[in-house]
């Protein structure tokens, strides 16, 4: 089989802008092409071949796209911000040893929200000094792990500070802290992923900030080095990020006036990506330019020395690098109403449609440019009526065994996956230069029994 190494444009709406500084604008990975048989390939690997080799559902992650988005953030920060800056990968989007290793190699940092994500980051090669630990209800064990390894702890509430004070006598160095507060900024996004408004479980309220800062002046175990705020996720608007800069600069001025050596200003992430053709998010360069310019202006207005600028991209870093491939199974035609195509995955490998009513774009992997003459609803295999991945989408006529490719699944698919209906999680491969590396083994049904315990009194004697 001959595979074309040159990108071949797909039919609309999948023909994408290949600007290296704005890969988040694409619907498909940067290396997407057609081989000599017209089949869809990513990084020179035919998706239908990957499906046969590794089984389905299968997560496919394009290394070039992930490295490209890392470079886009790194280069945009260097271009638009005159001070020191660092992008931290929000690993909740997709946490694995392989992704951590790639992100670390590209010079980024990482944010974690649990002991599992923190251990993955450390074992994946991310330096502790480039890691921050988030969370609104951190355990004593999570805080101890972070403090002992020299990871910056983002203090979210008074309980964080109380637990750290109890742990402090056993620590060799003061805990490096970042203080999270709620900036009171609303964004037009799903209510479940808005975190900047006042009614949020995250962060100290603005009217608590001065009291917390005053408290920390009397804590020799703590070294407050940063402030953090985050306004939400999958955001297309730029104005809220401009507003955030002023709020954070005021907090920075207050902290420094009270003697805290605050050098880091962490504005969070939230940049949206393109899931369907009608989505029009800002480019990475445009987002960074807006944020950096707003922070510089806000600091100049207040006579503040520029802090190190931190941001936390997650979705915009990894989503477009990911494609999920499924095998089509049964078909149900309801005359005059709807046609259902069922696939061998669903809400357990991608819970976003049933949770957020999220939309995606899909093609048949071996006929990506064929005429989309049917309107179908792609349903999952779970025992749940709402288990629908794509509602009323256009596809070419499909039959059982065809491979379906769903784009932009690199974020919040694997990381939010479950074993609902005791269905094993998919395998994952990292593709590059015509090669696929297995980076996550497929679970097997027997794996799901590993932690079950059957009491002796319930065991059958028959």
Foldseek 3Di string as FASTA:
>chain_A
DFFDQDADAFDPPQRFDLPLLFQLAHQAANRWHAGPLRFTDAQRAQPLVVCVVFNPFEKEFELVLLLSNLVNLVVLCVVQFPDAAAEAAACLFPAFLVSLLSSVVSPHAYEEAAPVSVVSNVVSPHQQDRYEYDYLDYDLVRLLVNQQRQHEYADWDVVSVVSCLVCLVVGPAAHEYEAEEALQFAAPDFPVFFARHQPHSTHHYPVCLLVVLVVVVPRRSYAYAYYEYEGGAQGQDQVSLLVVLLSQLVSVVSNVVSPHNHQEYEHEEHFHGDFDSPDDHDGSSVNSNSNSVSNVVNCVVVVHDHGHYYYYDYLSSTQQSIKTKWFWADWDDDPPPAIEIETAAFCQQPVCCLVPVDAHDKAFRSNRRDFQPDFHWYAYDAPDPSRTHHHGDTYDDDDGGTMMMIGRHGTPRNSVHDCHVPNWHGWYWYHHNNDTHTRGHTDDSVVVCPPDDDDPVPDDPD
